[in-house]
């Protein structure tokens, strides 16, 4: 079932689902850390930061195959993931 409603809580959930998807693949996780400049330690420290969560979704948006694979894996539509990023960016 694809979930499309977006509010702050749903946006955080979608971003955390996306981060789990990213971190479950070592190559994708390495690319994410290299691209964002985050380390595993400071990633743990900023898991509730809307900027970090938005960056997670921006990372997926930058490579459409990853965005689509994440959507398939998490049950969130690509559009819902993009909408979540927008909500998180407004939460900063």
C-alpha atoms as a PDB file:
ATOM      1  CA  UNK A   1       0.000   0.000   0.000  1.00  0.00           C
ATOM      2  CA  UNK A   2       1.389   3.406  -0.983  1.00  0.00           C
ATOM      3  CA  UNK A   3       1.083   6.148   1.643  1.00  0.00           C
ATOM      4  CA  UNK A   4       0.709   9.701   0.342  1.00  0.00           C
ATOM      5  CA  UNK A   5      -0.319  11.923   3.279  1.00  0.00           C
ATOM      6  CA  UNK A   6       2.403  14.287   4.436  1.00  0.00           C
ATOM      7  CA  UNK A   7       2.789  16.169   7.712  1.00  0.00           C
ATOM      8  CA  UNK A   8       5.815  16.717   9.940  1.00  0.00           C
ATOM      9  CA  UNK A   9       5.518  13.343  11.661  1.00  0.00           C
ATOM     10  CA  UNK A  10       4.996  11.476   8.388  1.00  0.00           C
ATOM     11  CA  UNK A  11       7.897  13.340   6.807  1.00  0.00           C
ATOM     12  CA  UNK A  12      10.217  12.267   9.625  1.00  0.00           C
ATOM     13  CA  UNK A  13       9.017   8.671   9.318  1.00  0.00           C
ATOM     14  CA  UNK A  14       9.589   8.680   5.560  1.00  0.00           C
ATOM     15  CA  UNK A  15      13.056  10.157   5.947  1.00  0.00           C
ATOM     16  CA  UNK A  16      14.033   7.599   8.592  1.00  0.00           C
ATOM     17  CA  UNK A  17      12.684   4.800   6.383  1.00  0.00           C
ATOM     18  CA  UNK A  18      14.768   6.224   3.526  1.00  0.00           C
ATOM     19  CA  UNK A  19      17.858   6.416   5.727  1.00  0.00           C
ATOM     20  CA  UNK A  20      17.393   2.787   6.729  1.00  0.00           C
ATOM     21  CA  UNK A  21      17.118   1.885   3.048  1.00  0.00           C
ATOM     22  CA  UNK A  22      20.343   3.786   2.280  1.00  0.00           C
ATOM     23  CA  UNK A  23      22.314   2.322   5.171  1.00  0.00           C
ATOM     24  CA  UNK A  24      21.287  -1.259   4.374  1.00  0.00           C
ATOM     25  CA  UNK A  25      23.405  -1.151   1.205  1.00  0.00           C
ATOM     26  CA  UNK A  26      27.133  -0.661   1.916  1.00  0.00           C
ATOM     27  CA  UNK A  27      27.901   0.995  -1.429  1.00  0.00           C
ATOM     28  CA  UNK A  28      24.946   3.349  -1.210  1.00  0.00           C
ATOM     29  CA  UNK A  29      25.745   4.085   2.449  1.00  0.00           C
ATOM     30  CA  UNK A  30      29.337   4.957   1.564  1.00  0.00           C
ATOM     31  CA  UNK A  31      28.186   7.223  -1.245  1.00  0.00           C
ATOM     32  CA  UNK A  32      25.696   8.888   1.128  1.00  0.00           C
ATOM     33  CA  UNK A  33      28.352   9.554   3.771  1.00  0.00           C
ATOM     34  CA  UNK A  34      30.839  10.799   1.167  1.00  0.00           C
ATOM     35  CA  UNK A  35      28.268  13.065  -0.477  1.00  0.00           C
ATOM     36  CA  UNK A  36      26.873  14.558   2.727  1.00  0.00           C
ATOM     37  CA  UNK A  37      30.150  14.763   4.634  1.00  0.00           C
ATOM     38  CA  UNK A  38      28.538  12.977   7.565  1.00  0.00           C
ATOM     39  CA  UNK A  39      30.296  10.319   9.599  1.00  0.00           C
ATOM     40  CA  UNK A  40      28.532   7.444  11.360  1.00  0.00           C
ATOM     41  CA  UNK A  41      29.055   9.202  14.696  1.00  0.00           C
ATOM     42  CA  UNK A  42      27.670  12.589  13.731  1.00  0.00           C
ATOM     43  CA  UNK A  43      24.861  10.944  11.762  1.00  0.00           C
ATOM     44  CA  UNK A  44      23.707   9.282  14.990  1.00  0.00           C
ATOM     45  CA  UNK A  45      23.824  12.656  16.726  1.00  0.00           C
ATOM     46  CA  UNK A  46      21.657  14.419  14.116  1.00  0.00           C
ATOM     47  CA  UNK A  47      18.998  11.820  13.384  1.00  0.00           C
ATOM     48  CA  UNK A  48      16.285  14.188  14.616  1.00  0.00           C
ATOM     49  CA  UNK A  49      17.608  17.247  12.766  1.00  0.00           C
ATOM     50  CA  UNK A  50      15.226  18.190   9.914  1.00  0.00           C
ATOM     51  CA  UNK A  51      18.215  19.331   7.816  1.00  0.00           C
ATOM     52  CA  UNK A  52      19.846  15.914   8.051  1.00  0.00           C
ATOM     53  CA  UNK A  53      16.588  14.148   7.275  1.00  0.00           C
ATOM     54  CA  UNK A  54      15.967  16.447   4.296  1.00  0.00           C
ATOM     55  CA  UNK A  55      19.524  15.765   3.072  1.00  0.00           C
ATOM     56  CA  UNK A  56      18.746  12.047   3.186  1.00  0.00           C
ATOM     57  CA  UNK A  57      15.840  12.511   0.818  1.00  0.00           C
ATOM     58  CA  UNK A  58      17.755  14.969  -1.359  1.00  0.00           C
ATOM     59  CA  UNK A  59      20.454  12.316  -1.758  1.00  0.00           C
ATOM     60  CA  UNK A  60      17.876   9.886  -3.128  1.00  0.00           C
ATOM     61  CA  UNK A  61      16.339  12.514  -5.397  1.00  0.00           C
ATOM     62  CA  UNK A  62      19.745  13.136  -6.967  1.00  0.00           C
ATOM     63  CA  UNK A  63      19.796   9.574  -8.331  1.00  0.00           C
ATOM     64  CA  UNK A  64      16.349   8.569  -9.586  1.00  0.00           C
ATOM     65  CA  UNK A  65      17.039   4.798  -9.595  1.00  0.00           C
ATOM     66  CA  UNK A  66      17.787   5.022  -5.852  1.00  0.00           C
ATOM     67  CA  UNK A  67      14.636   7.089  -5.254  1.00  0.00           C
ATOM     68  CA  UNK A  68      12.492   4.531  -7.067  1.00  0.00           C
ATOM     69  CA  UNK A  69      14.189   1.590  -5.339  1.00  0.00           C
ATOM     70  CA  UNK A  70      13.631   3.274  -1.970  1.00  0.00           C
ATOM     71  CA  UNK A  71       9.982   3.893  -2.795  1.00  0.00           C
ATOM     72  CA  UNK A  72       9.538   0.247  -3.749  1.00  0.00           C
ATOM     73  CA  UNK A  73      11.314  -0.923  -0.606  1.00  0.00           C
ATOM     74  CA  UNK A  74       9.537   1.362   1.876  1.00  0.00           C
ATOM     75  CA  UNK A  75       6.046   1.486   0.382  1.00  0.00           C
ATOM     76  CA  UNK A  76       6.203   5.273   0.037  1.00  0.00           C
ATOM     77  CA  UNK A  77       5.701   6.688  -3.444  1.00  0.00           C
ATOM     78  CA  UNK A  78       8.574   8.701  -4.956  1.00  0.00           C
ATOM     79  CA  UNK A  79       6.272  11.728  -4.839  1.00  0.00           C
ATOM     80  CA  UNK A  80       5.651  11.187  -1.121  1.00  0.00           C
ATOM     81  CA  UNK A  81       9.394  11.049  -0.469  1.00  0.00           C
ATOM     82  CA  UNK A  82       9.902  14.324  -2.366  1.00  0.00           C
ATOM     83  CA  UNK A  83       6.979  15.899  -0.502  1.00  0.00           C
ATOM     84  CA  UNK A  84       8.513  14.781   2.797  1.00  0.00           C
ATOM     85  CA  UNK A  85      11.765  16.513   1.888  1.00  0.00           C
ATOM     86  CA  UNK A  86       9.858  19.734   1.243  1.00  0.00           C
ATOM     87  CA  UNK A  87       8.111  19.496   4.628  1.00  0.00           C
ATOM     88  CA  UNK A  88      11.417  18.883   6.399  1.00  0.00           C
ATOM     89  CA  UNK A  89      13.076  21.816   4.651  1.00  0.00           C
ATOM     90  CA  UNK A  90      10.269  24.071   5.910  1.00  0.00           C
ATOM     91  CA  UNK A  91      10.782  22.728   9.447  1.00  0.00           C
ATOM     92  CA  UNK A  92      14.316  24.103   9.703  1.00  0.00           C
END
